[in-house]
N, C-alpha and C. Protein backbone atom coordinates (compact mmCIF):
# COMPACT_ATOMS: atom_id res chain seq x y z
N MET A 1 173.65 83.51 44.02
CA MET A 1 174.31 83.16 45.25
C MET A 1 174.64 84.45 46.01
N LYS A 2 174.24 84.47 47.29
CA LYS A 2 174.49 85.67 48.10
C LYS A 2 175.94 85.72 48.53
N ARG A 3 176.40 86.93 48.72
CA ARG A 3 177.76 87.10 49.21
C ARG A 3 177.84 86.70 50.67
N GLU A 4 179.03 86.41 51.12
CA GLU A 4 179.22 85.93 52.48
C GLU A 4 178.82 86.98 53.52
N THR A 5 179.06 88.25 53.22
CA THR A 5 178.72 89.30 54.18
C THR A 5 177.21 89.46 54.30
N GLU A 6 176.47 89.17 53.28
CA GLU A 6 175.01 89.29 53.35
C GLU A 6 174.41 88.12 54.12
N GLN A 7 175.05 86.97 54.11
CA GLN A 7 174.53 85.82 54.82
C GLN A 7 174.73 85.97 56.32
N ARG A 8 175.85 86.52 56.70
CA ARG A 8 176.09 86.76 58.12
C ARG A 8 175.38 88.04 58.53
N GLY A 9 174.93 88.10 59.76
CA GLY A 9 174.32 89.32 60.25
C GLY A 9 175.38 90.30 60.70
N HIS A 10 174.96 91.50 60.95
CA HIS A 10 175.89 92.50 61.46
C HIS A 10 175.72 92.60 62.96
N THR A 11 176.71 93.16 63.61
CA THR A 11 176.68 93.31 65.05
C THR A 11 175.68 94.38 65.44
N ASN A 12 174.85 94.07 66.42
CA ASN A 12 173.90 95.05 66.95
C ASN A 12 174.68 95.99 67.86
N LYS A 13 174.95 97.19 67.38
CA LYS A 13 175.83 98.12 68.09
C LYS A 13 175.21 98.63 69.39
N LYS A 14 173.90 98.84 69.41
CA LYS A 14 173.25 99.32 70.63
C LYS A 14 173.37 98.28 71.75
N LEU A 15 173.16 97.04 71.40
CA LEU A 15 173.27 95.97 72.39
C LEU A 15 174.71 95.78 72.84
N LEU A 16 175.65 95.95 71.92
CA LEU A 16 177.06 95.83 72.26
C LEU A 16 177.49 96.92 73.23
N VAL A 17 177.06 98.15 73.00
CA VAL A 17 177.40 99.26 73.88
C VAL A 17 176.78 99.06 75.26
N LYS A 18 175.55 98.57 75.30
CA LYS A 18 174.88 98.31 76.57
C LYS A 18 175.64 97.24 77.37
N GLY A 19 176.09 96.19 76.70
CA GLY A 19 176.84 95.13 77.36
C GLY A 19 178.20 95.62 77.85
N LEU A 20 178.87 96.43 77.05
CA LEU A 20 180.18 96.96 77.45
C LEU A 20 180.06 97.94 78.61
N LYS A 21 178.96 98.69 78.67
CA LYS A 21 178.73 99.59 79.80
C LYS A 21 178.55 98.79 81.09
N ARG A 22 177.81 97.69 81.00
CA ARG A 22 177.62 96.86 82.20
C ARG A 22 178.93 96.24 82.64
N LEU A 23 179.75 95.83 81.69
CA LEU A 23 181.06 95.28 82.05
C LEU A 23 181.95 96.35 82.66
N ALA A 24 181.83 97.59 82.17
CA ALA A 24 182.63 98.69 82.70
C ALA A 24 182.20 99.05 84.12
N VAL A 25 180.92 98.93 84.42
CA VAL A 25 180.44 99.20 85.77
C VAL A 25 180.84 98.06 86.71
N ALA A 26 180.92 96.85 86.19
CA ALA A 26 181.24 95.69 87.02
C ALA A 26 182.68 95.72 87.53
N LEU A 27 183.57 96.32 86.79
CA LEU A 27 184.98 96.33 87.20
C LEU A 27 185.22 97.10 88.50
N PRO A 28 184.75 98.35 88.65
CA PRO A 28 184.95 99.03 89.93
C PRO A 28 184.21 98.37 91.10
N VAL A 29 183.03 97.81 90.81
CA VAL A 29 182.28 97.13 91.87
C VAL A 29 183.03 95.88 92.31
N LEU A 30 183.72 95.21 91.39
CA LEU A 30 184.53 94.04 91.72
C LEU A 30 185.67 94.42 92.66
N VAL A 31 186.35 95.50 92.35
CA VAL A 31 187.45 95.97 93.19
C VAL A 31 186.92 96.40 94.55
N LEU A 32 185.81 97.11 94.57
CA LEU A 32 185.22 97.58 95.82
C LEU A 32 184.77 96.41 96.71
N SER A 33 184.14 95.43 96.12
CA SER A 33 183.67 94.30 96.92
C SER A 33 184.83 93.51 97.50
N THR A 34 185.89 93.33 96.72
CA THR A 34 187.07 92.62 97.23
C THR A 34 187.70 93.41 98.39
N TYR A 35 187.76 94.71 98.27
CA TYR A 35 188.32 95.55 99.33
C TYR A 35 187.47 95.48 100.59
N VAL A 36 186.16 95.54 100.44
CA VAL A 36 185.27 95.54 101.60
C VAL A 36 185.34 94.19 102.32
N ILE A 37 185.38 93.09 101.59
CA ILE A 37 185.48 91.77 102.23
C ILE A 37 186.83 91.63 102.95
N THR A 38 187.91 92.08 102.33
CA THR A 38 189.21 92.01 102.98
C THR A 38 189.24 92.89 104.22
N PHE A 39 188.67 94.07 104.15
CA PHE A 39 188.61 94.98 105.30
C PHE A 39 187.82 94.37 106.45
N SER A 40 186.75 93.66 106.13
CA SER A 40 185.95 93.07 107.20
C SER A 40 186.70 91.95 107.91
N PHE A 41 187.52 91.19 107.19
CA PHE A 41 188.28 90.13 107.84
C PHE A 41 189.51 90.65 108.58
N LEU A 42 189.98 91.83 108.23
CA LEU A 42 191.10 92.42 108.96
C LEU A 42 190.66 92.98 110.31
N ASN A 43 189.40 93.36 110.43
CA ASN A 43 188.87 93.93 111.67
C ASN A 43 187.90 92.94 112.32
N LYS A 44 188.41 91.82 112.76
CA LYS A 44 187.55 90.78 113.31
C LYS A 44 187.01 91.11 114.70
N GLU A 45 187.71 91.93 115.46
CA GLU A 45 187.32 92.19 116.83
C GLU A 45 186.23 93.25 116.96
N THR A 46 185.96 93.98 115.93
CA THR A 46 184.99 95.07 116.03
C THR A 46 183.62 94.62 115.55
N LEU A 47 182.60 95.36 115.96
CA LEU A 47 181.23 95.04 115.61
C LEU A 47 180.93 95.22 114.11
N PRO A 48 181.51 96.21 113.43
CA PRO A 48 181.17 96.39 112.01
C PRO A 48 181.61 95.24 111.10
N LEU A 49 182.23 94.19 111.68
CA LEU A 49 182.61 93.04 110.87
C LEU A 49 181.41 92.49 110.11
N TYR A 50 180.31 92.29 110.81
CA TYR A 50 179.14 91.69 110.19
C TYR A 50 178.49 92.62 109.17
N ILE A 51 178.54 93.91 109.44
CA ILE A 51 177.95 94.88 108.50
C ILE A 51 178.79 94.94 107.23
N THR A 52 180.10 95.06 107.38
CA THR A 52 180.94 95.17 106.18
C THR A 52 181.02 93.85 105.42
N LEU A 53 180.99 92.73 106.13
CA LEU A 53 181.00 91.44 105.43
C LEU A 53 179.73 91.25 104.63
N THR A 54 178.58 91.60 105.21
CA THR A 54 177.32 91.51 104.49
C THR A 54 177.32 92.45 103.28
N LEU A 55 177.83 93.65 103.47
CA LEU A 55 177.91 94.61 102.36
C LEU A 55 178.83 94.09 101.25
N GLY A 56 179.95 93.50 101.62
CA GLY A 56 180.87 92.95 100.63
C GLY A 56 180.26 91.79 99.85
N ILE A 57 179.49 90.94 100.54
CA ILE A 57 178.84 89.82 99.86
C ILE A 57 177.76 90.33 98.91
N ILE A 58 177.04 91.36 99.31
CA ILE A 58 176.03 91.95 98.42
C ILE A 58 176.70 92.56 97.19
N PHE A 59 177.81 93.28 97.39
CA PHE A 59 178.54 93.85 96.26
C PHE A 59 179.07 92.76 95.33
N MET A 60 179.51 91.64 95.90
CA MET A 60 180.01 90.55 95.07
C MET A 60 178.89 89.94 94.23
N GLY A 61 177.69 89.83 94.82
CA GLY A 61 176.54 89.35 94.05
C GLY A 61 176.19 90.29 92.91
N ILE A 62 176.23 91.59 93.19
CA ILE A 62 175.96 92.58 92.13
C ILE A 62 177.02 92.47 91.04
N THR A 63 178.27 92.25 91.43
CA THR A 63 179.35 92.11 90.46
C THR A 63 179.12 90.91 89.55
N LEU A 64 178.78 89.77 90.15
CA LEU A 64 178.54 88.58 89.35
C LEU A 64 177.37 88.78 88.39
N PHE A 65 176.31 89.42 88.87
CA PHE A 65 175.17 89.69 88.00
C PHE A 65 175.56 90.58 86.82
N LEU A 66 176.29 91.65 87.10
CA LEU A 66 176.69 92.57 86.04
C LEU A 66 177.64 91.91 85.04
N LEU A 67 178.57 91.10 85.53
CA LEU A 67 179.50 90.42 84.63
C LEU A 67 178.80 89.45 83.70
N PHE A 68 177.97 88.57 84.26
CA PHE A 68 177.29 87.59 83.43
C PHE A 68 176.28 88.24 82.49
N ASN A 69 175.57 89.24 82.99
CA ASN A 69 174.60 89.92 82.15
C ASN A 69 175.29 90.70 81.03
N GLY A 70 176.41 91.36 81.34
CA GLY A 70 177.15 92.10 80.31
C GLY A 70 177.73 91.17 79.26
N LEU A 71 178.29 90.04 79.69
CA LEU A 71 178.82 89.07 78.72
C LEU A 71 177.72 88.49 77.85
N ARG A 72 176.56 88.23 78.46
CA ARG A 72 175.43 87.69 77.68
C ARG A 72 174.98 88.69 76.62
N LEU A 73 174.95 89.98 76.99
CA LEU A 73 174.53 91.00 76.02
C LEU A 73 175.55 91.14 74.89
N VAL A 74 176.83 91.08 75.21
CA VAL A 74 177.87 91.19 74.18
C VAL A 74 177.78 90.00 73.23
N ILE A 75 177.61 88.82 73.76
CA ILE A 75 177.51 87.63 72.91
C ILE A 75 176.26 87.68 72.05
N ARG A 76 175.14 88.14 72.64
CA ARG A 76 173.91 88.28 71.85
C ARG A 76 174.05 89.31 70.75
N SER A 77 174.80 90.37 71.00
CA SER A 77 174.96 91.41 69.97
C SER A 77 175.82 90.92 68.82
N VAL A 78 176.78 90.08 69.10
CA VAL A 78 177.68 89.60 68.05
C VAL A 78 177.05 88.45 67.25
N PHE A 79 176.45 87.50 67.96
CA PHE A 79 175.94 86.31 67.28
C PHE A 79 174.45 86.38 66.98
N GLY A 80 173.76 87.36 67.46
CA GLY A 80 172.34 87.51 67.17
C GLY A 80 171.49 86.70 68.13
N GLU A 81 170.19 86.79 67.89
CA GLU A 81 169.23 86.06 68.72
C GLU A 81 169.30 84.58 68.40
N ARG A 82 168.78 83.78 69.30
CA ARG A 82 168.81 82.31 69.11
C ARG A 82 167.99 81.88 67.97
């Protein structure tokens, strides 16, 4: 009979570090995108509203991608491949 630690796999450390790095990059981008969107709505009368709003929406999309991708990598590193 195998021991319990041998039956379970170990955490893939390289994949875990890669996922944590993506989550670490996502945090400042999240703050930046929230700031840019708020700034664009505070300056409604000026022309750069559309430029900053578009930039904020793009940053928010990048944030969502990094968050979900980082979480997926962390979960894959802990629980292994399907």
